[in-house]
Amino acid sequence: MADPIKTITLKDGTKRYRFVVDIGRDPVTGKRQQKTYTFDKKGEAGKERDRIRHQSNEGTYVKPSEETLSEYLDGYLKGATRGKEESTKSNYQHAFRCVRERLGHRKVQSLTKRDIEELVDFMLASGRKRGGKAGTPLKARSVQLMLGRLTAALEMAVLEGKLVRNVAKLVDPPPSDQEEREPWSREEVHIFLKVAQDDRLHAAWRLSLYGLRRAEVLGLRWEDIDLKAKTLTVAQTRVLVDYQVIVKGPKSDNSKRKLPLDDELVAALTALRKKQSKESEDAGDAYRAELDALGWYDGGEYVVIDEVGTPVHPEWYSDEFGRILRPAGLRRITLHDSRHTTLTLMEHAGVPISVISKWAGHYDPSFTYKKYVHASDEDLAQGAETLAQVYKIDKAV
């Protein structure tokens, strides 16, 4: 039998050792493909040929590829985000931003554990580009999200036969740096509402303290509110995707819900409706004149609008919430923390967690309890009082 390893003599007399192996057929043309390997020593060539033949027989051989990581991620994302909402697609792309910038040019088969470790270190040291000062550290949560997405992508590459192993699985995610949220107390909510009662968007702030998400408040139209029946229906949302406002359905099927309104909120919404009617009369032709320029607007009278009938921008709404806090002298929380406040106060008042979860539009009460309901120092004090009663010894005995 002829020796499969051929000896090649160069012009200077140097010898090289070469062999050729089949690497399957081209998936497009169906033609047979071969790969040539050349080594300085015959022994090295023999070992590599035996390895390739063994892996081919085992079905674990991965043929060499020039595909870069960015090229692979382009194809991966087409399948991973198919049928998903634009906001989800944007989140996937954002999770891979640092990956593409730092490693996108590299051949996907050349990636090592050290490459991923260095990427994690970079993100934790100076990976921020937006949402704060550029060049500052990203939070551990952002790095965890990146590592999770990258691990899933490279695992798919392994299943496709493009990688031998998934090096991202070897990298430990950074420990969570998420601080325990401390929502407002009932007294702090009362202070806020007292300050906000003279604000033009008083009703909107009450809606945000009614457990609604920002996107749900801003997506509300007057047709979604029945002031006589005292109900509101979460039927659509207005969200930011890559800094563009889009209108879409609620976050999930559970988020599509009808909530009863209390008398205070009905009064606030009624007053807002009357005020908007007066503003429309005062503005005349200028009222709602800018709607055509919004791009996303598709009709309906929104509840949260400015003085000339234009729906407010989500970021403006969050900033305005912070502005209201300053004269109130309250401990600063984010707009989303108001949702945490609502659900926590409901739980403290004895509302069953199953009801709170349905109110919030969640799919699972355990998620509501874990993510949104928080214990305070007062709760701990109550626990101490309860134990004192349980363990109290009757001295008369």
Protein backbone atom coordinates (compact mmCIF):
# COMPACT_ATOMS: atom_id res chain seq x y z
CA MET A 1 0.00 0.00 0.00
CA ALA A 2 1.32 3.40 -0.94
CA ASP A 3 2.38 5.67 1.89
CA PRO A 4 -0.43 8.28 2.35
CA ILE A 5 2.16 10.79 3.57
CA LYS A 6 4.11 12.20 0.64
CA THR A 7 7.60 13.64 0.92
CA ILE A 8 8.00 17.03 -0.77
CA THR A 9 11.50 18.38 -1.49
CA LEU A 10 11.83 22.15 -1.80
CA LYS A 11 14.34 23.94 -4.06
CA ASP A 12 16.75 24.42 -1.16
CA GLY A 13 16.64 20.71 -0.39
CA THR A 14 14.37 21.02 2.65
CA LYS A 15 11.89 18.15 3.01
CA ARG A 16 8.23 18.57 3.90
CA TYR A 17 5.63 15.92 4.58
CA ARG A 18 2.14 16.26 3.13
CA PHE A 19 -1.12 14.39 3.16
CA VAL A 20 -4.63 14.97 1.84
CA VAL A 21 -7.92 14.07 3.56
CA ASP A 22 -11.54 14.22 2.51
CA ILE A 23 -13.55 16.76 4.47
CA GLY A 24 -16.99 15.98 3.09
CA ARG A 25 -18.99 17.59 0.34
CA ASP A 26 -19.71 21.24 -0.26
CA PRO A 27 -23.21 21.90 1.18
CA VAL A 28 -24.05 24.13 -1.79
CA THR A 29 -22.48 22.42 -4.81
CA GLY A 30 -22.36 18.87 -3.46
CA LYS A 31 -18.82 18.47 -4.78
CA ARG A 32 -16.24 16.45 -2.92
CA GLN A 33 -13.88 18.56 -0.79
CA GLN A 34 -10.33 17.83 0.29
CA LYS A 35 -7.87 19.49 2.65
CA THR A 36 -4.08 19.40 2.35
CA TYR A 37 -1.83 19.41 5.42
CA THR A 38 1.94 19.98 5.40
CA PHE A 39 4.40 19.41 8.28
CA ASP A 40 8.13 19.70 8.90
CA LYS A 41 8.37 16.22 10.40
CA LYS A 42 6.85 13.00 9.13
CA GLY A 43 5.93 11.90 12.65
CA GLU A 44 3.88 15.04 13.19
CA ALA A 45 2.11 14.54 9.89
CA GLY A 46 1.30 10.95 10.83
CA LYS A 47 -0.15 11.92 14.20
CA GLU A 48 -2.35 14.62 12.69
CA ARG A 49 -3.59 12.31 9.96
CA ASP A 50 -4.47 9.63 12.51
CA ARG A 51 -6.31 12.21 14.65
CA ILE A 52 -8.36 13.46 11.72
CA ARG A 53 -9.21 9.92 10.57
CA HIS A 54 -10.25 8.95 14.11
CA GLN A 55 -12.46 12.03 14.52
CA SER A 56 -13.98 11.45 11.09
CA ASN A 57 -14.88 7.88 12.04
CA GLU A 58 -16.33 9.10 15.35
CA GLY A 59 -18.28 11.88 13.65
CA THR A 60 -16.52 14.58 15.68
CA TYR A 61 -14.23 16.01 13.01
CA VAL A 62 -14.54 19.75 12.45
CA LYS A 63 -13.23 20.96 9.13
CA PRO A 64 -11.18 24.17 9.17
CA SER A 65 -13.05 27.37 8.42
CA GLU A 66 -12.15 31.00 7.74
CA GLU A 67 -15.49 32.22 9.15
CA THR A 68 -15.07 35.10 11.61
CA LEU A 69 -16.99 35.43 14.84
CA SER A 70 -18.99 38.40 13.52
CA GLU A 71 -19.91 36.45 10.39
CA TYR A 72 -21.05 33.51 12.46
CA LEU A 73 -23.10 35.74 14.81
CA ASP A 74 -24.86 37.29 11.81
CA GLY A 75 -26.13 33.87 10.80
CA TYR A 76 -26.83 32.77 14.36
CA LEU A 77 -29.00 35.80 15.09
CA LYS A 78 -31.20 35.17 12.07
CA GLY A 79 -32.40 31.96 13.66
CA ALA A 80 -32.16 32.96 17.32
CA THR A 81 -34.35 36.05 16.88
CA ARG A 82 -36.76 34.77 14.22
CA GLY A 83 -40.30 35.69 15.18
CA LYS A 84 -39.19 37.72 18.18
CA GLU A 85 -40.11 41.34 18.87
CA GLU A 86 -37.90 44.20 17.72
CA SER A 87 -36.99 45.05 21.30
CA THR A 88 -35.76 41.48 21.85
CA LYS A 89 -33.73 41.58 18.64
CA SER A 90 -32.17 44.84 19.77
CA ASN A 91 -31.26 43.31 23.13
CA TYR A 92 -29.48 40.42 21.40
CA GLN A 93 -27.53 42.81 19.19
CA HIS A 94 -26.57 44.99 22.15
CA ALA A 95 -25.38 41.95 24.13
CA PHE A 96 -22.91 41.20 21.31
CA ARG A 97 -21.65 44.78 20.89
CA CYS A 98 -18.43 44.34 22.86
CA VAL A 99 -18.00 40.83 21.45
CA ARG A 100 -18.00 42.14 17.90
CA GLU A 101 -15.78 45.11 18.69
CA ARG A 102 -13.12 43.08 20.50
CA LEU A 103 -13.30 39.65 18.87
CA GLY A 104 -15.51 39.99 15.80
CA HIS A 105 -12.56 39.91 13.38
CA ARG A 106 -11.18 36.67 14.81
CA LYS A 107 -11.81 33.28 13.20
CA VAL A 108 -14.48 31.62 15.28
CA GLN A 109 -12.38 28.44 15.44
CA SER A 110 -9.40 30.35 16.88
CA LEU A 111 -11.19 31.58 20.00
CA THR A 112 -9.74 30.54 23.34
CA LYS A 113 -10.88 30.70 26.94
CA ARG A 114 -8.31 33.45 27.49
CA ASP A 115 -9.95 35.57 24.76
CA ILE A 116 -13.29 35.40 26.55
CA GLU A 117 -11.71 36.06 29.94
CA GLU A 118 -10.00 39.19 28.58
CA LEU A 119 -13.30 40.34 27.07
CA VAL A 120 -15.01 39.99 30.45
CA ASP A 121 -12.19 41.93 32.15
CA PHE A 122 -12.47 44.72 29.55
CA MET A 123 -16.22 45.07 29.99
CA LEU A 124 -15.92 45.20 33.78
CA ALA A 125 -13.16 47.83 33.52
CA SER A 126 -14.18 50.17 30.70
CA GLY A 127 -16.80 48.62 28.43
CA ARG A 128 -19.53 51.27 28.66
CA LYS A 129 -20.42 53.24 25.53
CA ARG A 130 -23.94 54.44 26.29
CA GLY A 131 -26.23 54.84 29.27
CA GLY A 132 -23.50 56.68 31.17
CA LYS A 133 -19.97 58.00 30.74
CA ALA A 134 -18.14 56.21 27.93
CA GLY A 135 -15.17 54.15 29.07
CA THR A 136 -16.53 53.44 32.54
CA PRO A 137 -17.21 49.92 33.87
CA LEU A 138 -20.29 48.00 32.85
CA LYS A 139 -22.35 46.33 35.56
CA ALA A 140 -21.93 42.64 36.18
CA ARG A 141 -25.46 42.07 34.88
CA SER A 142 -24.44 43.33 31.42
CA VAL A 143 -21.42 41.02 31.38
CA GLN A 144 -23.53 38.08 32.56
CA LEU A 145 -25.98 38.74 29.74
CA MET A 146 -23.18 38.90 27.15
CA LEU A 147 -21.59 35.70 28.40
CA GLY A 148 -24.93 33.90 28.40
CA ARG A 149 -25.71 34.97 24.83
CA LEU A 150 -22.20 34.13 23.58
CA THR A 151 -22.26 30.73 25.28
CA ALA A 152 -25.56 29.93 23.56
CA ALA A 153 -24.21 31.06 20.18
CA LEU A 154 -21.00 29.01 20.43
CA GLU A 155 -22.95 26.00 21.69
CA MET A 156 -24.97 26.17 18.49
CA ALA A 157 -21.70 26.29 16.53
CA VAL A 158 -20.66 23.06 18.27
CA LEU A 159 -23.97 21.42 17.34
CA GLU A 160 -23.50 22.57 13.73
CA GLY A 161 -20.09 20.93 13.64
CA LYS A 162 -18.20 24.20 13.31
CA LEU A 163 -16.43 24.00 16.68
CA VAL A 164 -14.89 21.17 18.66
CA ARG A 165 -15.77 22.74 22.01
CA ASN A 166 -17.44 25.79 23.48
CA VAL A 167 -14.74 27.86 25.20
CA ALA A 168 -17.29 30.35 26.58
CA LYS A 169 -18.66 27.58 28.84
CA LEU A 170 -15.29 27.49 30.59
CA VAL A 171 -15.54 31.14 31.74
CA ASP A 172 -17.20 31.89 35.08
CA PRO A 173 -19.59 34.88 35.03
CA PRO A 174 -18.81 37.75 37.42
CA PRO A 175 -20.74 37.77 40.70
CA SER A 176 -23.92 39.82 40.67
CA ASP A 177 -23.59 43.44 41.75
CA GLN A 178 -27.31 44.11 41.88
CA GLU A 179 -28.24 46.06 44.97
CA GLU A 180 -31.33 45.23 46.92
CA ARG A 181 -34.07 47.61 45.87
CA GLU A 182 -35.65 49.67 48.60
CA PRO A 183 -39.05 50.85 47.43
CA TRP A 184 -40.89 53.74 49.02
CA SER A 185 -42.84 53.34 52.21
CA ARG A 186 -46.52 54.25 52.40
CA GLU A 187 -45.58 57.58 53.99
CA GLU A 188 -43.19 58.42 51.15
CA VAL A 189 -45.88 57.60 48.58
CA HIS A 190 -48.26 59.98 50.37
CA ILE A 191 -45.66 62.76 50.24
CA PHE A 192 -45.09 62.21 46.54
CA LEU A 193 -48.79 62.23 45.68
CA LYS A 194 -49.31 65.39 47.70
CA VAL A 195 -46.56 67.18 45.76
CA ALA A 196 -47.73 65.73 42.42
CA GLN A 197 -51.41 66.57 42.88
CA ASP A 198 -50.97 70.00 41.28
CA ASP A 199 -48.85 68.66 38.42
CA ARG A 200 -50.41 68.54 34.97
CA LEU A 201 -49.67 64.79 34.74
CA HIS A 202 -50.95 63.99 38.21
CA ALA A 203 -53.08 61.17 36.78
CA ALA A 204 -50.09 59.67 34.98
CA TRP A 205 -48.03 59.53 38.17
CA ARG A 206 -50.92 57.75 39.86
CA LEU A 207 -50.96 55.24 37.01
CA SER A 208 -47.25 54.60 37.49
CA LEU A 209 -47.94 54.03 41.18
CA TYR A 210 -50.75 51.68 40.21
CA GLY A 211 -48.27 48.99 39.22
CA LEU A 212 -48.19 49.71 35.48
CA ARG A 213 -44.97 49.58 33.49
CA ARG A 214 -43.79 52.80 31.83
CA ALA A 215 -44.58 51.38 28.39
CA GLU A 216 -48.09 50.48 29.55
CA VAL A 217 -48.81 53.94 30.95
CA LEU A 218 -47.56 55.64 27.79
CA GLY A 219 -49.44 53.20 25.56
CA LEU A 220 -52.81 53.89 27.21
CA ARG A 221 -55.47 55.54 25.04
CA TRP A 222 -58.71 57.00 26.26
CA GLU A 223 -60.53 54.19 24.48
CA ASP A 224 -58.76 51.79 26.87
CA ILE A 225 -60.27 53.53 29.89
CA ASP A 226 -63.90 53.29 30.98
CA LEU A 227 -64.44 55.98 33.60
CA LYS A 228 -68.05 54.93 34.21
CA ALA A 229 -67.20 51.26 34.76
CA LYS A 230 -63.99 52.34 36.55
CA THR A 231 -61.64 50.06 34.56
CA LEU A 232 -58.58 50.33 32.35
CA THR A 233 -57.37 47.78 29.82
CA VAL A 234 -53.70 47.23 28.99
CA ALA A 235 -54.02 46.65 25.24
CA GLN A 236 -50.79 48.08 23.83
CA THR A 237 -47.48 49.64 24.87
CA ARG A 238 -45.08 52.31 23.67
CA VAL A 239 -41.45 51.28 24.03
CA LEU A 240 -37.97 52.45 23.03
CA VAL A 241 -36.01 50.25 20.62
CA ASP A 242 -32.59 51.64 19.68
CA TYR A 243 -33.84 55.09 20.74
CA GLN A 244 -36.87 54.86 18.43
CA VAL A 245 -40.42 54.81 19.82
CA ILE A 246 -42.54 51.93 18.59
CA VAL A 247 -46.07 50.79 19.42
CA LYS A 248 -46.61 47.11 20.05
CA GLY A 249 -48.77 44.73 22.03
CA PRO A 250 -48.31 44.10 25.76
CA LYS A 251 -45.14 42.39 26.96
CA SER A 252 -46.82 38.97 27.21
CA ASP A 253 -50.24 37.36 27.15
CA ASN A 254 -50.39 37.78 30.92
CA SER A 255 -49.73 41.50 30.50
CA LYS A 256 -53.00 41.86 28.59
CA ARG A 257 -55.28 42.61 31.50
CA LYS A 258 -58.17 44.71 32.76
CA LEU A 259 -57.73 46.47 36.10
CA PRO A 260 -60.33 48.15 38.29
CA LEU A 261 -59.75 51.82 39.10
CA ASP A 262 -60.05 53.37 42.55
CA ASP A 263 -62.05 56.55 43.06
CA GLU A 264 -58.96 58.76 43.44
CA LEU A 265 -57.57 57.59 40.10
CA VAL A 266 -60.95 57.99 38.38
CA ALA A 267 -61.11 61.58 39.65
CA ALA A 268 -57.56 62.30 38.48
CA LEU A 269 -58.22 60.85 35.02
CA THR A 270 -61.50 62.75 34.72
CA ALA A 271 -59.72 66.00 35.55
CA LEU A 272 -56.99 65.24 33.01
CA ARG A 273 -59.57 64.53 30.31
CA LYS A 274 -61.25 67.87 30.95
CA LYS A 275 -57.92 69.68 30.96
CA GLN A 276 -56.95 68.18 27.61
CA SER A 277 -60.26 69.29 26.11
CA LYS A 278 -59.53 72.85 27.25
CA GLU A 279 -55.96 72.65 25.88
CA SER A 280 -57.35 71.48 22.53
CA GLU A 281 -59.66 74.48 22.35
CA ASP A 282 -56.89 76.88 23.29
CA ALA A 283 -54.37 75.45 20.79
CA GLY A 284 -56.76 75.33 17.85
CA ASP A 285 -55.12 74.04 14.66
CA ALA A 286 -51.81 73.55 16.46
CA TYR A 287 -53.31 70.80 18.58
CA ARG A 288 -52.02 67.36 17.49
CA ALA A 289 -50.38 69.03 14.49
CA GLU A 290 -47.10 67.17 14.97
CA LEU A 291 -48.54 63.66 15.02
CA ASP A 292 -47.75 62.92 11.36
CA ALA A 293 -44.05 63.58 12.01
CA LEU A 294 -43.79 60.97 14.75
CA GLY A 295 -43.48 58.04 12.39
CA TRP A 296 -45.05 55.49 14.73
CA TYR A 297 -48.39 57.23 15.39
CA ASP A 298 -51.36 55.25 14.09
CA GLY A 299 -54.37 56.97 15.60
CA GLY A 300 -56.16 56.99 18.91
CA GLU A 301 -56.10 59.61 21.65
CA TYR A 302 -53.32 58.87 24.09
CA VAL A 303 -53.75 59.61 27.78
CA VAL A 304 -50.25 60.90 28.47
CA ILE A 305 -49.67 63.78 26.05
CA ASP A 306 -48.25 67.30 26.15
CA GLU A 307 -50.21 70.56 25.96
CA VAL A 308 -50.58 70.34 22.16
CA GLY A 309 -51.70 66.73 22.03
CA THR A 310 -48.40 65.02 21.21
CA PRO A 311 -47.66 61.75 23.09
CA VAL A 312 -44.67 62.29 25.36
CA HIS A 313 -41.32 60.58 24.80
CA PRO A 314 -40.58 57.67 27.21
CA GLU A 315 -37.24 59.11 28.33
CA TRP A 316 -38.84 62.50 28.97
CA TYR A 317 -41.45 60.79 31.13
CA SER A 318 -38.76 59.11 33.25
CA ASP A 319 -36.83 62.37 33.57
CA GLU A 320 -40.00 64.21 34.57
CA PHE A 321 -40.59 61.71 37.36
CA GLY A 322 -37.16 62.59 38.74
CA ARG A 323 -37.98 66.31 38.51
CA ILE A 324 -41.12 65.84 40.62
CA LEU A 325 -39.06 64.16 43.34
CA ARG A 326 -36.77 67.12 43.97
CA PRO A 327 -39.26 69.55 45.55
CA ALA A 328 -40.75 66.66 47.51
CA GLY A 329 -37.40 66.05 49.20
CA LEU A 330 -37.92 62.32 48.82
CA ARG A 331 -35.37 59.56 48.65
CA ARG A 332 -34.61 59.13 44.95
CA ILE A 333 -35.93 56.03 43.20
CA THR A 334 -36.31 55.24 39.51
CA LEU A 335 -39.62 55.28 37.70
CA HIS A 336 -39.52 51.48 37.50
CA ASP A 337 -39.00 51.36 41.27
CA SER A 338 -42.49 52.84 41.62
CA ARG A 339 -43.79 49.52 40.28
CA HIS A 340 -41.76 47.71 42.94
CA THR A 341 -43.27 50.09 45.50
CA THR A 342 -46.83 49.31 44.42
CA LEU A 343 -46.50 45.54 44.50
CA THR A 344 -44.60 45.58 47.80
CA LEU A 345 -47.21 47.77 49.50
CA MET A 346 -49.99 45.52 48.19
CA GLU A 347 -48.26 42.50 49.75
CA HIS A 348 -47.73 44.34 53.03
CA ALA A 349 -51.44 45.17 53.08
CA GLY A 350 -52.29 41.47 52.91
CA VAL A 351 -53.22 41.13 49.23
CA PRO A 352 -52.60 37.49 48.16
CA ILE A 353 -49.52 37.04 45.99
CA SER A 354 -51.64 35.35 43.30
CA VAL A 355 -53.70 38.55 42.99
CA ILE A 356 -50.60 40.76 42.99
CA SER A 357 -49.03 38.66 40.23
CA LYS A 358 -52.13 38.92 38.05
CA TRP A 359 -52.34 42.65 38.76
CA ALA A 360 -48.72 43.10 37.64
CA GLY A 361 -49.23 41.05 34.49
CA HIS A 362 -46.78 38.32 35.49
CA TYR A 363 -46.96 34.67 34.46
CA ASP A 364 -45.83 33.24 37.80
CA PRO A 365 -46.54 34.42 41.38
CA SER A 366 -43.13 33.12 42.48
CA PHE A 367 -41.47 35.50 40.02
CA THR A 368 -43.47 38.41 41.44
CA TYR A 369 -42.52 37.47 44.97
CA LYS A 370 -38.84 37.04 44.17
CA LYS A 371 -38.39 40.09 41.94
CA TYR A 372 -40.86 42.72 43.12
CA VAL A 373 -41.85 42.16 46.76
CA HIS A 374 -39.30 43.45 49.27
CA ALA A 375 -38.97 43.16 53.03
CA SER A 376 -38.23 46.30 55.06
CA ASP A 377 -36.76 46.89 58.51
CA GLU A 378 -40.32 47.27 59.77
CA ASP A 379 -41.12 43.79 58.45
CA LEU A 380 -38.15 42.39 60.35
CA ALA A 381 -39.27 44.18 63.51
CA GLN A 382 -42.70 42.63 63.07
CA GLY A 383 -41.00 39.24 62.80
CA ALA A 384 -39.21 39.87 66.09
CA GLU A 385 -42.49 40.82 67.79
CA THR A 386 -44.15 37.66 66.49
CA LEU A 387 -41.33 35.45 67.76
CA ALA A 388 -41.45 37.20 71.12
CA GLN A 389 -45.11 36.24 71.44
CA VAL A 390 -44.45 32.68 70.26
CA TYR A 391 -41.64 32.10 72.74
CA LYS A 392 -43.10 34.04 75.66
CA ILE A 393 -43.17 31.95 78.84
CA ASP A 394 -46.04 32.32 81.24
CA LYS A 395 -44.28 33.03 84.56
CA ALA A 396 -47.40 32.15 86.52
CA VAL A 397 -47.02 28.50 85.60
